[in-house]
Amino acid sequence: MRDYIENADFEETGFSYTLSLISGKYKMIILYCLMEYQPVRFNELQRYLGKISDKTLSQNLKELEKDELIHREAYPQIPPKVEYSLTERGKSLMVVLDQLCIWGTENRK
């Protein structure tokens, strides 16, 4: 009866894949911010997140962009202007994040 768990591979599940995209301290918060306020500039994200270094924010944004969850739009001007927004793929993930928000609101003490 317990054969099924011994042959199971968590790494092959959809849950594992989703976690790999949004794991870490800041990715879900970045996505939530973009869901609520997009488009958002780098400095606005930094203020929203609080104590986060330029390097850490930049790294998280690059990973989210590589995973096609966010779009980076650079405007050729001085000073440089860069805005971030959700892609269609990123918007489709917001259904999941929105459910987390609803659950949190309903179960917050």
Protein backbone atom coordinates (compact mmCIF):
# COMPACT_ATOMS: atom_id res chain seq x y z
CA MET A 1 0.00 0.00 0.00
CA ARG A 2 2.87 2.42 0.71
CA ASP A 3 4.60 1.61 -2.59
CA TYR A 4 3.17 4.74 -4.17
CA ILE A 5 5.13 7.12 -1.93
CA GLU A 6 8.37 5.22 -2.32
CA ASN A 7 8.10 5.59 -6.10
CA ALA A 8 6.93 9.19 -5.99
CA ASP A 9 9.24 12.02 -7.06
CA PHE A 10 8.30 15.40 -5.63
CA GLU A 11 10.63 17.15 -8.11
CA GLU A 12 8.37 15.99 -10.96
CA THR A 13 5.20 17.58 -9.55
CA GLY A 14 3.54 20.78 -10.69
CA PHE A 15 3.69 21.98 -7.10
CA SER A 16 7.47 21.64 -7.09
CA TYR A 17 7.75 23.55 -10.37
CA THR A 18 5.55 26.39 -9.10
CA LEU A 19 7.57 26.63 -5.89
CA SER A 20 10.79 26.80 -7.91
CA LEU A 21 9.45 29.92 -9.66
CA ILE A 22 8.26 31.79 -6.57
CA SER A 23 10.53 30.52 -3.80
CA GLY A 24 12.69 32.88 -1.83
CA LYS A 25 12.06 35.78 0.47
CA TYR A 26 11.06 38.41 -2.11
CA LYS A 27 9.65 36.90 -5.31
CA MET A 28 6.05 36.54 -4.16
CA ILE A 29 6.15 40.04 -2.69
CA ILE A 30 7.50 41.46 -5.97
CA LEU A 31 4.76 39.66 -7.90
CA TYR A 32 2.11 40.88 -5.44
CA CYS A 33 3.37 44.47 -5.78
CA LEU A 34 3.23 44.25 -9.58
CA MET A 35 -0.26 42.74 -9.40
CA GLU A 36 -1.46 45.70 -7.33
CA TYR A 37 0.50 48.63 -8.79
CA GLN A 38 2.04 47.80 -12.18
CA PRO A 39 3.99 49.19 -13.87
CA VAL A 40 6.54 49.74 -11.09
CA ARG A 41 10.01 51.22 -11.22
CA PHE A 42 13.07 49.70 -9.52
CA ASN A 43 13.23 52.34 -6.75
CA GLU A 44 9.50 51.99 -6.06
CA LEU A 45 9.93 48.23 -5.64
CA GLN A 46 12.87 48.81 -3.34
CA ARG A 47 10.83 51.16 -1.12
CA TYR A 48 7.89 48.74 -1.11
CA LEU A 49 10.09 45.81 -0.04
CA GLY A 50 11.90 47.73 2.69
CA LYS A 51 15.37 46.48 3.54
CA ILE A 52 16.57 44.87 0.32
CA SER A 53 19.88 45.52 -1.38
CA ASP A 54 20.13 46.65 -5.00
CA LYS A 55 21.92 43.40 -5.82
CA THR A 56 19.28 41.15 -4.24
CA LEU A 57 16.37 43.00 -5.87
CA SER A 58 18.14 43.01 -9.22
CA GLN A 59 18.85 39.27 -8.97
CA ASN A 60 15.22 38.47 -8.08
CA LEU A 61 13.93 40.61 -10.95
CA LYS A 62 16.29 38.92 -13.41
CA GLU A 63 15.12 35.48 -12.29
CA LEU A 64 11.44 36.44 -12.58
CA GLU A 65 12.14 37.88 -16.03
CA LYS A 66 14.03 34.73 -17.09
CA ASP A 67 11.05 32.65 -15.95
CA GLU A 68 8.81 34.91 -18.09
CA LEU A 69 6.71 36.07 -15.14
CA ILE A 70 7.61 39.74 -15.46
CA HIS A 71 8.52 42.12 -18.27
CA ARG A 72 11.29 44.71 -18.05
CA GLU A 73 10.81 47.82 -20.15
CA ALA A 74 13.85 50.11 -20.46
CA TYR A 75 13.30 53.59 -21.84
CA PRO A 76 16.22 55.21 -23.71
CA GLN A 77 16.46 58.45 -21.77
CA ILE A 78 18.68 60.27 -19.32
CA PRO A 79 18.39 59.43 -16.47
CA PRO A 80 17.56 55.83 -17.39
CA LYS A 81 14.01 54.71 -16.72
CA VAL A 82 13.07 51.04 -16.25
CA GLU A 83 9.61 49.73 -15.43
CA TYR A 84 8.49 46.23 -14.51
CA SER A 85 5.11 44.66 -15.14
CA LEU A 86 3.54 41.21 -15.17
CA THR A 87 3.55 39.15 -18.34
CA GLU A 88 0.48 37.15 -19.32
CA ARG A 89 2.18 34.13 -17.75
CA GLY A 90 2.75 36.13 -14.57
CA LYS A 91 -0.86 37.31 -14.54
CA SER A 92 -2.02 33.71 -14.74
CA LEU A 93 -0.07 33.00 -11.53
CA MET A 94 -1.89 35.85 -9.77
CA VAL A 95 -4.96 33.63 -9.41
CA VAL A 96 -2.89 31.52 -7.01
CA LEU A 97 -1.46 34.51 -5.13
CA ASP A 98 -4.92 36.07 -4.90
CA GLN A 99 -6.20 32.89 -3.22
CA LEU A 100 -3.35 33.15 -0.70
CA CYS A 101 -4.46 36.73 0.04
CA ILE A 102 -8.08 35.66 0.51
CA TRP A 103 -7.07 32.80 2.79
CA GLY A 104 -4.88 35.13 4.83
CA THR A 105 -7.64 37.71 5.21
CA GLU A 106 -10.17 35.06 6.26
CA ASN A 107 -7.84 33.30 8.71
CA ARG A 108 -5.93 36.23 10.19
CA LYS A 109 -6.34 36.56 13.94
